[in-house]
Amino acid sequence: MSLDTWLIFVALSILPAFSPGPGLLLTMSNSLRFGSRITLWSALGNTIGIAILGMAVTFGLGAIMLASGLAFTILKIVGGLYLIWLGIKTWRDRSNLVESNDDDQIPNSSKLFLTGVGIALTNPKAMAVLVAIIPPFLTGPSQLLVEGSILSCTYAATCLVSHIAVALLSGRFRLFITSPRRVKILRRSIGATFMGFGIAMAAATR
């Protein structure tokens, strides 16, 4: 793969990587609740999940999903239910958005990491983007592993940059949230958005 080709792929990756979606919403929510630093674990998990999904698309998952109605239905229902569950959990959360020094109030890094991976792997939007942008850059079976790895890791890295930016901005925004009423409205807005994403995914058609 030439440098020019790779740079074209990077340019195509920027808009979908920075566009709103479940992954970025999770990063924003965690950053507001727990702080920017610990939130980087969920961003890293999402990055790893995106890279895995990219390799799966490289080796034919996208074709299977497009060809099999059952496989598509399973993915969209699982992904949708997972996002709805996260939305309900966020909606019902009664904690504030002020960073706590109490370790019992902050989830461990492993839990945040695995949640990020789960969001990525059950996100039909992410797979749709990868199906659209990766196959055109693959030149043939002999280079499939190398090119797939480069493209998947490149898009995952672009997503990581977007998540870091959102985490840092959300962490700063949290300093301005002091009213319990505003906290409640913001938390429920995030929860409702998660549920909206989930419903939209579960109802999606090919």
N, C-alpha and C. Protein backbone atom coordinates (compact mmCIF):
# COMPACT_ATOMS: atom_id res chain seq x y z
N MET A 1 0.84 -1.19 0.00
CA MET A 1 0.00 0.00 0.00
C MET A 1 0.88 1.24 0.00
N SER A 2 0.65 2.13 -0.95
CA SER A 2 1.46 3.34 -1.04
C SER A 2 1.05 4.35 0.02
N LEU A 3 1.95 5.30 0.27
CA LEU A 3 1.66 6.35 1.25
C LEU A 3 0.47 7.19 0.81
N ASP A 4 0.40 7.48 -0.48
CA ASP A 4 -0.72 8.30 -0.99
C ASP A 4 -2.06 7.61 -0.75
N THR A 5 -2.09 6.30 -1.00
CA THR A 5 -3.33 5.54 -0.78
C THR A 5 -3.71 5.55 0.69
N TRP A 6 -2.72 5.37 1.54
CA TRP A 6 -2.98 5.36 2.99
C TRP A 6 -3.51 6.71 3.45
N LEU A 7 -2.94 7.79 2.93
CA LEU A 7 -3.38 9.14 3.32
C LEU A 7 -4.81 9.40 2.87
N ILE A 8 -5.19 8.86 1.71
CA ILE A 8 -6.57 8.99 1.25
C ILE A 8 -7.50 8.27 2.24
N PHE A 9 -7.08 7.08 2.68
CA PHE A 9 -7.90 6.33 3.65
C PHE A 9 -8.03 7.11 4.96
N VAL A 10 -6.94 7.71 5.42
CA VAL A 10 -6.98 8.52 6.65
C VAL A 10 -7.98 9.66 6.49
N ALA A 11 -7.95 10.33 5.34
CA ALA A 11 -8.87 11.44 5.10
C ALA A 11 -10.32 10.97 5.12
N LEU A 12 -10.59 9.79 4.55
CA LEU A 12 -11.94 9.25 4.54
C LEU A 12 -12.39 8.81 5.93
N SER A 13 -11.43 8.50 6.80
CA SER A 13 -11.75 7.98 8.13
C SER A 13 -12.14 9.07 9.11
N ILE A 14 -11.69 10.29 8.87
CA ILE A 14 -11.84 11.35 9.87
C ILE A 14 -13.30 11.66 10.17
N LEU A 15 -14.11 11.86 9.13
CA LEU A 15 -15.51 12.25 9.37
C LEU A 15 -16.29 11.19 10.14
N PRO A 16 -16.28 9.90 9.71
CA PRO A 16 -17.03 8.91 10.49
C PRO A 16 -16.46 8.70 11.90
N ALA A 17 -15.15 8.84 12.06
CA ALA A 17 -14.54 8.63 13.37
C ALA A 17 -14.97 9.71 14.36
N PHE A 18 -15.17 10.92 13.86
CA PHE A 18 -15.54 12.04 14.74
C PHE A 18 -17.04 12.30 14.76
N SER A 19 -17.81 11.53 14.00
CA SER A 19 -19.26 11.73 14.00
C SER A 19 -19.87 11.09 15.25
N PRO A 20 -20.97 11.66 15.76
CA PRO A 20 -21.58 11.13 16.99
C PRO A 20 -22.03 9.68 16.82
N GLY A 21 -21.84 8.91 17.85
CA GLY A 21 -22.25 7.51 17.85
C GLY A 21 -22.17 6.96 19.26
N PRO A 22 -22.55 5.71 19.45
CA PRO A 22 -22.55 5.11 20.79
C PRO A 22 -21.18 5.15 21.48
N GLY A 23 -20.11 4.94 20.72
CA GLY A 23 -18.78 4.94 21.32
C GLY A 23 -18.41 6.30 21.89
N LEU A 24 -18.60 7.35 21.10
CA LEU A 24 -18.28 8.69 21.58
C LEU A 24 -19.21 9.10 22.72
N LEU A 25 -20.46 8.69 22.64
CA LEU A 25 -21.40 9.00 23.72
C LEU A 25 -20.98 8.34 25.02
N LEU A 26 -20.50 7.10 24.95
CA LEU A 26 -20.02 6.42 26.14
C LEU A 26 -18.81 7.15 26.72
N THR A 27 -17.91 7.58 25.88
CA THR A 27 -16.73 8.32 26.35
C THR A 27 -17.14 9.61 27.04
N MET A 28 -18.08 10.33 26.44
CA MET A 28 -18.54 11.58 27.04
C MET A 28 -19.19 11.32 28.39
N SER A 29 -20.05 10.29 28.45
CA SER A 29 -20.74 9.96 29.69
C SER A 29 -19.76 9.59 30.79
N ASN A 30 -18.80 8.72 30.47
CA ASN A 30 -17.83 8.29 31.48
C ASN A 30 -16.94 9.44 31.93
N SER A 31 -16.58 10.31 30.99
CA SER A 31 -15.72 11.44 31.34
C SER A 31 -16.42 12.40 32.28
N LEU A 32 -17.71 12.63 32.03
CA LEU A 32 -18.48 13.50 32.90
C LEU A 32 -18.65 12.89 34.29
N ARG A 33 -18.78 11.58 34.35
CA ARG A 33 -19.05 10.92 35.62
C ARG A 33 -17.78 10.60 36.41
N PHE A 34 -16.72 10.20 35.72
CA PHE A 34 -15.55 9.68 36.42
C PHE A 34 -14.26 10.45 36.18
N GLY A 35 -14.27 11.38 35.24
CA GLY A 35 -13.06 12.12 34.93
C GLY A 35 -12.41 11.61 33.65
N SER A 36 -11.59 12.46 33.05
CA SER A 36 -11.01 12.15 31.74
C SER A 36 -10.00 11.02 31.80
N ARG A 37 -9.19 10.98 32.85
CA ARG A 37 -8.08 10.02 32.88
C ARG A 37 -8.57 8.57 32.89
N ILE A 38 -9.48 8.24 33.79
CA ILE A 38 -9.96 6.86 33.88
C ILE A 38 -10.79 6.49 32.66
N THR A 39 -11.40 7.50 32.03
CA THR A 39 -12.23 7.26 30.85
C THR A 39 -11.41 6.77 29.66
N LEU A 40 -10.13 7.07 29.65
CA LEU A 40 -9.28 6.63 28.55
C LEU A 40 -9.27 5.11 28.41
N TRP A 41 -9.59 4.39 29.51
CA TRP A 41 -9.65 2.92 29.42
C TRP A 41 -10.80 2.48 28.54
N SER A 42 -11.95 3.13 28.65
CA SER A 42 -13.07 2.76 27.78
C SER A 42 -12.77 3.17 26.33
N ALA A 43 -12.07 4.29 26.15
CA ALA A 43 -11.68 4.70 24.81
C ALA A 43 -10.72 3.69 24.20
N LEU A 44 -9.80 3.19 25.01
CA LEU A 44 -8.86 2.17 24.52
C LEU A 44 -9.59 0.88 24.17
N GLY A 45 -10.56 0.51 25.01
CA GLY A 45 -11.36 -0.69 24.72
C GLY A 45 -12.11 -0.55 23.42
N ASN A 46 -12.69 0.62 23.19
CA ASN A 46 -13.40 0.86 21.93
C ASN A 46 -12.44 0.76 20.75
N THR A 47 -11.23 1.27 20.93
CA THR A 47 -10.23 1.22 19.86
C THR A 47 -9.88 -0.22 19.51
N ILE A 48 -9.65 -1.05 20.52
CA ILE A 48 -9.33 -2.46 20.28
C ILE A 48 -10.50 -3.15 19.60
N GLY A 49 -11.73 -2.86 20.05
CA GLY A 49 -12.91 -3.45 19.45
C GLY A 49 -13.06 -3.07 17.99
N ILE A 50 -12.80 -1.80 17.68
CA ILE A 50 -12.89 -1.34 16.29
C ILE A 50 -11.85 -2.05 15.42
N ALA A 51 -10.63 -2.22 15.95
CA ALA A 51 -9.58 -2.90 15.19
C ALA A 51 -9.97 -4.35 14.91
N ILE A 52 -10.54 -5.02 15.92
CA ILE A 52 -10.99 -6.41 15.74
C ILE A 52 -12.11 -6.47 14.70
N LEU A 53 -13.05 -5.54 14.80
CA LEU A 53 -14.16 -5.50 13.85
C LEU A 53 -13.65 -5.23 12.44
N GLY A 54 -12.65 -4.37 12.32
CA GLY A 54 -12.07 -4.08 11.02
C GLY A 54 -11.44 -5.31 10.39
N MET A 55 -10.74 -6.12 11.20
CA MET A 55 -10.15 -7.35 10.68
C MET A 55 -11.23 -8.36 10.29
N ALA A 56 -12.32 -8.39 11.07
CA ALA A 56 -13.43 -9.28 10.74
C ALA A 56 -14.05 -8.89 9.41
N VAL A 57 -14.21 -7.59 9.19
CA VAL A 57 -14.75 -7.11 7.92
C VAL A 57 -13.79 -7.47 6.78
N THR A 58 -12.49 -7.32 7.03
CA THR A 58 -11.48 -7.65 6.02
C THR A 58 -11.60 -9.10 5.56
N PHE A 59 -11.87 -10.00 6.50
CA PHE A 59 -11.92 -11.42 6.17
C PHE A 59 -13.33 -11.93 5.91
N GLY A 60 -14.27 -11.02 5.66
CA GLY A 60 -15.54 -11.46 5.13
C GLY A 60 -16.77 -11.30 6.00
N LEU A 61 -16.64 -10.77 7.23
CA LEU A 61 -17.82 -10.61 8.06
C LEU A 61 -18.84 -9.70 7.39
N GLY A 62 -18.35 -8.64 6.76
CA GLY A 62 -19.27 -7.73 6.09
C GLY A 62 -20.09 -8.43 5.03
N ALA A 63 -19.43 -9.28 4.24
CA ALA A 63 -20.15 -10.01 3.19
C ALA A 63 -21.17 -10.96 3.79
N ILE A 64 -20.78 -11.62 4.89
CA ILE A 64 -21.71 -12.54 5.56
C ILE A 64 -22.94 -11.80 6.07
N MET A 65 -22.70 -10.64 6.70
CA MET A 65 -23.80 -9.87 7.25
C MET A 65 -24.74 -9.37 6.16
N LEU A 66 -24.16 -8.97 5.01
CA LEU A 66 -24.99 -8.49 3.91
C LEU A 66 -25.78 -9.61 3.26
N ALA A 67 -25.19 -10.83 3.27
CA ALA A 67 -25.84 -11.96 2.61
C ALA A 67 -26.83 -12.68 3.51
N SER A 68 -26.59 -12.66 4.81
CA SER A 68 -27.42 -13.43 5.73
C SER A 68 -28.35 -12.52 6.53
N GLY A 69 -29.63 -12.68 6.29
CA GLY A 69 -30.60 -11.92 7.05
C GLY A 69 -30.59 -12.27 8.52
N LEU A 70 -30.38 -13.55 8.86
CA LEU A 70 -30.36 -13.99 10.25
C LEU A 70 -29.19 -13.38 10.99
N ALA A 71 -27.99 -13.40 10.37
CA ALA A 71 -26.81 -12.84 11.03
C ALA A 71 -26.99 -11.35 11.28
N PHE A 72 -27.53 -10.64 10.30
CA PHE A 72 -27.77 -9.21 10.46
C PHE A 72 -28.77 -8.95 11.58
N THR A 73 -29.84 -9.74 11.62
CA THR A 73 -30.86 -9.57 12.65
C THR A 73 -30.30 -9.80 14.04
N ILE A 74 -29.48 -10.85 14.20
CA ILE A 74 -28.88 -11.14 15.50
C ILE A 74 -28.00 -9.99 15.96
N LEU A 75 -27.15 -9.50 15.05
CA LEU A 75 -26.25 -8.41 15.42
C LEU A 75 -27.01 -7.16 15.82
N LYS A 76 -28.02 -6.79 15.04
CA LYS A 76 -28.71 -5.54 15.33
C LYS A 76 -29.53 -5.65 16.62
N ILE A 77 -30.08 -6.83 16.91
CA ILE A 77 -30.86 -6.99 18.15
C ILE A 77 -29.94 -6.98 19.36
N VAL A 78 -28.84 -7.73 19.28
CA VAL A 78 -27.88 -7.76 20.40
C VAL A 78 -27.32 -6.36 20.65
N GLY A 79 -26.88 -5.70 19.58
CA GLY A 79 -26.34 -4.36 19.73
C GLY A 79 -27.37 -3.38 20.26
N GLY A 80 -28.58 -3.46 19.73
CA GLY A 80 -29.63 -2.56 20.19
C GLY A 80 -29.98 -2.75 21.64
N LEU A 81 -30.13 -4.01 22.07
CA LEU A 81 -30.47 -4.29 23.47
C LEU A 81 -29.36 -3.84 24.41
N TYR A 82 -28.10 -4.02 23.99
CA TYR A 82 -26.97 -3.59 24.82
C TYR A 82 -27.00 -2.08 25.02
N LEU A 83 -27.27 -1.34 23.97
CA LEU A 83 -27.32 0.12 24.09
C LEU A 83 -28.53 0.57 24.90
N ILE A 84 -29.65 -0.11 24.74
CA ILE A 84 -30.83 0.22 25.55
C ILE A 84 -30.54 -0.02 27.03
N TRP A 85 -29.86 -1.13 27.33
CA TRP A 85 -29.50 -1.42 28.71
C TRP A 85 -28.58 -0.34 29.28
N LEU A 86 -27.60 0.10 28.50
CA LEU A 86 -26.72 1.18 28.96
C LEU A 86 -27.51 2.47 29.18
N GLY A 87 -28.49 2.73 28.29
CA GLY A 87 -29.30 3.91 28.44
C GLY A 87 -30.13 3.90 29.70
N ILE A 88 -30.75 2.76 30.00
CA ILE A 88 -31.55 2.64 31.22
C ILE A 88 -30.67 2.78 32.45
N LYS A 89 -29.50 2.17 32.40
CA LYS A 89 -28.57 2.26 33.52
C LYS A 89 -28.14 3.70 33.76
N THR A 90 -27.85 4.43 32.68
CA THR A 90 -27.45 5.83 32.82
C THR A 90 -28.61 6.69 33.31
N TRP A 91 -29.80 6.45 32.78
CA TRP A 91 -30.99 7.21 33.19
C TRP A 91 -31.25 7.05 34.68
N ARG A 92 -31.11 5.83 35.20
CA ARG A 92 -31.44 5.54 36.59
C ARG A 92 -30.31 5.86 37.56
N ASP A 93 -29.14 6.17 37.04
CA ASP A 93 -28.00 6.48 37.90
C ASP A 93 -28.29 7.73 38.73
N ARG A 94 -28.08 7.66 40.01
CA ARG A 94 -28.37 8.78 40.90
C ARG A 94 -27.11 9.50 41.37
N SER A 95 -25.96 9.13 40.83
CA SER A 95 -24.73 9.79 41.24
C SER A 95 -24.64 11.16 40.58
N ASN A 96 -23.78 12.02 41.16
CA ASN A 96 -23.58 13.33 40.55
C ASN A 96 -22.47 13.24 39.51
N LEU A 97 -22.12 14.36 38.92
CA LEU A 97 -21.08 14.37 37.91
C LEU A 97 -19.82 15.06 38.42
N VAL A 98 -19.66 15.06 39.71
CA VAL A 98 -18.46 15.63 40.31
C VAL A 98 -17.50 14.50 40.59
N GLU A 99 -16.27 14.66 40.15
CA GLU A 99 -15.30 13.59 40.30
C GLU A 99 -15.11 13.24 41.76
N SER A 100 -15.18 11.97 42.06
CA SER A 100 -15.10 11.50 43.43
C SER A 100 -13.73 10.94 43.72
N ASN A 101 -13.28 11.16 44.96
CA ASN A 101 -12.02 10.57 45.41
C ASN A 101 -12.24 9.21 46.04
N ASP A 102 -13.49 8.80 46.12
CA ASP A 102 -13.84 7.51 46.69
C ASP A 102 -13.70 6.44 45.63
N ASP A 103 -12.74 5.53 45.80
CA ASP A 103 -12.49 4.50 44.80
C ASP A 103 -13.70 3.60 44.58
N ASP A 104 -14.58 3.50 45.61
CA ASP A 104 -15.75 2.63 45.47
C ASP A 104 -16.75 3.20 44.47
N GLN A 105 -16.66 4.51 44.18
CA GLN A 105 -17.60 5.14 43.27
C GLN A 105 -17.13 5.10 41.82
N ILE A 106 -15.89 4.69 41.61
CA ILE A 106 -15.31 4.69 40.27
C ILE A 106 -15.08 3.25 39.81
N PRO A 107 -15.63 2.85 38.67
CA PRO A 107 -15.42 1.48 38.18
C PRO A 107 -13.95 1.24 37.86
N ASN A 108 -13.52 -0.01 37.99
CA ASN A 108 -12.12 -0.30 37.69
C ASN A 108 -11.86 -0.22 36.20
N SER A 109 -10.60 -0.11 35.86
CA SER A 109 -10.22 0.08 34.46
C SER A 109 -10.63 -1.10 33.58
N SER A 110 -10.61 -2.31 34.13
CA SER A 110 -10.98 -3.49 33.34
C SER A 110 -12.44 -3.42 32.91
N LYS A 111 -13.30 -2.99 33.82
CA LYS A 111 -14.73 -2.89 33.51
C LYS A 111 -14.97 -1.84 32.42
N LEU A 112 -14.31 -0.69 32.54
CA LEU A 112 -14.46 0.34 31.52
C LEU A 112 -13.91 -0.13 30.18
N PHE A 113 -12.79 -0.82 30.21
CA PHE A 113 -12.18 -1.34 28.98
C PHE A 113 -13.12 -2.32 28.27
N LEU A 114 -13.67 -3.27 29.03
CA LEU A 114 -14.54 -4.28 28.44
C LEU A 114 -15.84 -3.67 27.92
N THR A 115 -16.34 -2.64 28.61
CA THR A 115 -17.53 -1.96 28.12
C THR A 115 -17.25 -1.28 26.78
N GLY A 116 -16.06 -0.67 26.67
CA GLY A 116 -15.68 -0.06 25.40
C GLY A 116 -15.57 -1.07 24.28
N VAL A 117 -14.99 -2.24 24.57
CA VAL A 117 -14.89 -3.30 23.57
C VAL A 117 -16.29 -3.75 23.15
N GLY A 118 -17.17 -3.95 24.14
CA GLY A 118 -18.53 -4.40 23.85
C GLY A 118 -19.29 -3.42 22.98
N ILE A 119 -19.14 -2.12 23.25
CA ILE A 119 -19.81 -1.11 22.44
C ILE A 119 -19.36 -1.20 20.99
N ALA A 120 -18.04 -1.37 20.80
CA ALA A 120 -17.50 -1.42 19.44
C ALA A 120 -17.98 -2.66 18.68
N LEU A 121 -17.94 -3.82 19.34
CA LEU A 121 -18.24 -5.07 18.65
C LEU A 121 -19.72 -5.26 18.37
N THR A 122 -20.58 -4.54 19.09
CA THR A 122 -22.03 -4.69 18.89
C THR A 122 -22.64 -3.46 18.22
N ASN A 123 -21.80 -2.70 17.56
CA ASN A 123 -22.25 -1.45 16.96
C ASN A 123 -22.40 -1.60 15.44
N PRO A 124 -23.61 -1.80 14.93
CA PRO A 124 -23.80 -1.93 13.48
C PRO A 124 -23.32 -0.71 12.70
N LYS A 125 -23.37 0.47 13.33
CA LYS A 125 -22.90 1.67 12.64
C LYS A 125 -21.41 1.56 12.34
N ALA A 126 -20.64 1.09 13.32
CA ALA A 126 -19.20 0.94 13.11
C ALA A 126 -18.92 -0.07 12.01
N MET A 127 -19.68 -1.18 12.02
CA MET A 127 -19.45 -2.18 10.99
C MET A 127 -19.83 -1.65 9.61
N ALA A 128 -20.91 -0.88 9.54
CA ALA A 128 -21.33 -0.33 8.25
C ALA A 128 -20.26 0.61 7.68
N VAL A 129 -19.65 1.41 8.57
CA VAL A 129 -18.58 2.31 8.13
C VAL A 129 -17.39 1.51 7.63
N LEU A 130 -17.00 0.48 8.39
CA LEU A 130 -15.84 -0.32 8.01
C LEU A 130 -16.09 -1.08 6.70
N VAL A 131 -17.32 -1.58 6.54
CA VAL A 131 -17.67 -2.28 5.29
C VAL A 131 -17.57 -1.32 4.11
N ALA A 132 -17.88 -0.06 4.35
CA ALA A 132 -17.86 0.92 3.27
C ALA A 132 -16.45 1.38 2.91
N ILE A 133 -15.57 1.52 3.91
CA ILE A 133 -14.28 2.15 3.62
C ILE A 133 -13.10 1.19 3.48
N ILE A 134 -13.20 -0.04 4.03
CA ILE A 134 -12.04 -0.93 3.96
C ILE A 134 -11.94 -1.70 2.64
N PRO A 135 -12.99 -2.41 2.19
CA PRO A 135 -12.86 -3.23 0.98
C PRO A 135 -12.30 -2.52 -0.25
N PRO A 136 -12.67 -1.25 -0.52
CA PRO A 136 -12.12 -0.60 -1.71
C PRO A 136 -10.60 -0.43 -1.70
N PHE A 137 -9.99 -0.52 -0.52
CA PHE A 137 -8.55 -0.32 -0.41
C PHE A 137 -7.77 -1.64 -0.37
N LEU A 138 -8.48 -2.76 -0.45
CA LEU A 138 -7.81 -4.06 -0.45
C LEU A 138 -7.49 -4.44 -1.89
N THR A 139 -6.21 -4.80 -2.14
CA THR A 139 -5.78 -5.05 -3.52
C THR A 139 -5.86 -6.51 -3.94
N GLY A 140 -5.89 -7.44 -2.98
CA GLY A 140 -5.96 -8.85 -3.37
C GLY A 140 -5.69 -9.78 -2.21
N PRO A 141 -5.96 -11.08 -2.39
CA PRO A 141 -5.79 -12.06 -1.31
C PRO A 141 -4.39 -12.12 -0.74
N SER A 142 -3.37 -11.94 -1.56
CA SER A 142 -1.99 -12.08 -1.08
C SER A 142 -1.62 -11.01 -0.06
N GLN A 143 -2.27 -9.86 -0.13
CA GLN A 143 -1.96 -8.74 0.78
C GLN A 143 -3.07 -8.51 1.81
N LEU A 144 -4.00 -9.44 1.90
CA LEU A 144 -5.18 -9.23 2.73
C LEU A 144 -4.83 -8.98 4.19
N LEU A 145 -3.95 -9.81 4.77
CA LEU A 145 -3.61 -9.67 6.18
C LEU A 145 -2.89 -8.36 6.47
N VAL A 146 -1.91 -8.04 5.63
CA VAL A 146 -1.13 -6.81 5.85
C VAL A 146 -1.99 -5.57 5.65
N GLU A 147 -2.70 -5.52 4.53
CA GLU A 147 -3.51 -4.34 4.24
C GLU A 147 -4.67 -4.21 5.21
N GLY A 148 -5.30 -5.33 5.54
CA GLY A 148 -6.40 -5.30 6.50
C GLY A 148 -5.95 -4.80 7.86
N SER A 149 -4.77 -5.24 8.28
CA SER A 149 -4.24 -4.81 9.58
C SER A 149 -3.95 -3.31 9.58
N ILE A 150 -3.33 -2.84 8.48
CA ILE A 150 -3.01 -1.41 8.39
C ILE A 150 -4.27 -0.56 8.41
N LEU A 151 -5.25 -0.95 7.60
CA LEU A 151 -6.48 -0.16 7.49
C LEU A 151 -7.29 -0.20 8.79
N SER A 152 -7.39 -1.39 9.39
CA SER A 152 -8.17 -1.53 10.63
C SER A 152 -7.53 -0.73 11.76
N CYS A 153 -6.22 -0.83 11.90
CA CYS A 153 -5.53 -0.11 12.96
C CYS A 153 -5.55 1.40 12.72
N THR A 154 -5.50 1.78 11.45
CA THR A 154 -5.56 3.21 11.13
C THR A 154 -6.90 3.81 11.52
N TYR A 155 -7.98 3.12 11.15
CA TYR A 155 -9.30 3.65 11.51
C TYR A 155 -9.49 3.63 13.02
N ALA A 156 -9.02 2.57 13.69
CA ALA A 156 -9.13 2.47 15.14
C ALA A 156 -8.35 3.61 15.81
N ALA A 157 -7.18 3.92 15.29
CA ALA A 157 -6.37 5.00 15.86
C ALA A 157 -7.06 6.36 15.66
N THR A 158 -7.70 6.54 14.52
CA THR A 158 -8.44 7.77 14.28
C THR A 158 -9.59 7.91 15.27
N CYS A 159 -10.26 6.79 15.54
CA CYS A 159 -11.33 6.80 16.55
C CYS A 159 -10.78 7.12 17.93
N LEU A 160 -9.60 6.59 18.24
CA LEU A 160 -9.00 6.87 19.55
C LEU A 160 -8.73 8.36 19.72
N VAL A 161 -8.24 9.01 18.67
CA VAL A 161 -8.00 10.45 18.74
C VAL A 161 -9.31 11.19 19.03
N SER A 162 -10.38 10.78 18.36
CA SER A 162 -11.67 11.44 18.58
C SER A 162 -12.17 11.22 20.00
N HIS A 163 -11.94 10.04 20.54
CA HIS A 163 -12.38 9.75 21.91
C HIS A 163 -11.56 10.53 22.93
N ILE A 164 -10.28 10.66 22.70
CA ILE A 164 -9.44 11.44 23.61
C ILE A 164 -9.90 12.90 23.61
N ALA A 165 -10.19 13.44 22.43
CA ALA A 165 -10.65 14.82 22.33
C ALA A 165 -11.96 15.01 23.08
N VAL A 166 -12.90 14.08 22.90
CA VAL A 166 -14.19 14.17 23.59
C VAL A 166 -14.01 14.03 25.09
N ALA A 167 -13.14 13.12 25.53
CA ALA A 167 -12.91 12.91 26.96
C ALA A 167 -12.35 14.17 27.61
N LEU A 168 -11.39 14.81 26.95
CA LEU A 168 -10.78 16.02 27.51
C LEU A 168 -11.77 17.17 27.55
N LEU A 169 -12.55 17.34 26.48
CA LEU A 169 -13.54 18.41 26.45
C LEU A 169 -14.65 18.18 27.46
N SER A 170 -15.09 16.93 27.58
CA SER A 170 -16.15 16.61 28.54
C SER A 170 -15.66 16.81 29.97
N GLY A 171 -14.41 16.44 30.22
CA GLY A 171 -13.84 16.63 31.55
C GLY A 171 -13.82 18.09 31.96
N ARG A 172 -13.53 18.98 31.00
CA ARG A 172 -13.55 20.41 31.30
C ARG A 172 -14.98 20.91 31.48
N PHE A 173 -15.91 20.41 30.65
CA PHE A 173 -17.29 20.83 30.75
C PHE A 173 -17.89 20.47 32.10
N ARG A 174 -17.43 19.35 32.68
CA ARG A 174 -17.98 18.88 33.93
C ARG A 174 -17.78 19.89 35.06
N LEU A 175 -16.72 20.69 34.95
CA LEU A 175 -16.44 21.68 35.98
C LEU A 175 -17.53 22.74 36.08
N PHE A 176 -18.29 22.90 35.00
CA PHE A 176 -19.33 23.93 34.99
C PHE A 176 -20.70 23.37 35.43
N ILE A 177 -20.76 22.08 35.73
CA ILE A 177 -22.03 21.48 36.12
C ILE A 177 -22.07 21.37 37.65
N THR A 178 -22.82 22.22 38.25
CA THR A 178 -22.92 22.22 39.71
C THR A 178 -24.35 22.03 40.20
N SER A 179 -25.32 22.32 39.37
CA SER A 179 -26.72 22.22 39.76
C SER A 179 -27.21 20.78 39.67
N PRO A 180 -27.77 20.22 40.75
CA PRO A 180 -28.32 18.86 40.70
C PRO A 180 -29.37 18.69 39.60
N ARG A 181 -30.14 19.75 39.37
CA ARG A 181 -31.17 19.68 38.33
C ARG A 181 -30.52 19.54 36.94
N ARG A 182 -29.47 20.31 36.69
CA ARG A 182 -28.78 20.22 35.41
C ARG A 182 -28.12 18.85 35.24
N VAL A 183 -27.57 18.35 36.34
CA VAL A 183 -26.95 17.03 36.30
C VAL A 183 -27.98 15.97 35.91
N LYS A 184 -29.15 16.06 36.51
CA LYS A 184 -30.22 15.10 36.23
C LYS A 184 -30.66 15.18 34.78
N ILE A 185 -30.81 16.40 34.28
CA ILE A 185 -31.24 16.59 32.88
C ILE A 185 -30.18 16.03 31.93
N LEU A 186 -28.91 16.33 32.21
CA LEU A 186 -27.84 15.86 31.35
C LEU A 186 -27.75 14.34 31.36
N ARG A 187 -27.80 13.75 32.56
CA ARG A 187 -27.70 12.30 32.68
C ARG A 187 -28.85 11.61 31.95
N ARG A 188 -30.06 12.13 32.11
CA ARG A 188 -31.20 11.52 31.44
C ARG A 188 -31.17 11.75 29.94
N SER A 189 -30.60 12.87 29.51
CA SER A 189 -30.45 13.12 28.07
C SER A 189 -29.49 12.10 27.46
N ILE A 190 -28.39 11.83 28.17
CA ILE A 190 -27.43 10.84 27.68
C ILE A 190 -28.07 9.46 27.66
N GLY A 191 -28.80 9.12 28.73
CA GLY A 191 -29.48 7.83 28.79
C GLY A 191 -30.49 7.67 27.68
N ALA A 192 -31.27 8.73 27.43
CA ALA A 192 -32.28 8.68 26.37
C ALA A 192 -31.63 8.54 25.00
N THR A 193 -30.48 9.17 24.82
CA THR A 193 -29.77 9.06 23.54
C THR A 193 -29.27 7.65 23.33
N PHE A 194 -28.72 7.04 24.39
CA PHE A 194 -28.30 5.64 24.30
C PHE A 194 -29.48 4.76 23.88
N MET A 195 -30.61 4.95 24.56
CA MET A 195 -31.78 4.14 24.23
C MET A 195 -32.27 4.41 22.81
N GLY A 196 -32.17 5.67 22.37
CA GLY A 196 -32.55 6.01 21.01
C GLY A 196 -31.67 5.30 19.98
N PHE A 197 -30.35 5.30 20.24
CA PHE A 197 -29.43 4.56 19.37
C PHE A 197 -29.81 3.08 19.33
N GLY A 198 -30.10 2.53 20.51
CA GLY A 198 -30.43 1.12 20.60
C GLY A 198 -31.69 0.77 19.83
N ILE A 199 -32.73 1.57 19.98
CA ILE A 199 -33.98 1.34 19.27
C ILE A 199 -33.78 1.46 17.77
N ALA A 200 -33.01 2.48 17.36
CA ALA A 200 -32.76 2.69 15.94
C ALA A 200 -31.99 1.50 15.35
N MET A 201 -31.01 0.99 16.09
CA MET A 201 -30.25 -0.16 15.60
C MET A 201 -31.10 -1.41 15.51
N ALA A 202 -31.90 -1.63 16.55
CA ALA A 202 -32.75 -2.82 16.56
C ALA A 202 -33.78 -2.79 15.43
N ALA A 203 -34.18 -1.59 15.03
CA ALA A 203 -35.18 -1.44 13.98
C ALA A 203 -34.57 -1.26 12.59
N ALA A 204 -33.23 -1.24 12.53
CA ALA A 204 -32.56 -0.95 11.26
C ALA A 204 -32.81 -2.05 10.23
N THR A 205 -32.85 -1.66 9.00
CA THR A 205 -32.93 -2.61 7.89
C THR A 205 -31.70 -2.46 7.02
N ARG A 206 -31.43 -3.46 6.21
CA ARG A 206 -30.25 -3.39 5.35
C ARG A 206 -30.52 -2.55 4.11
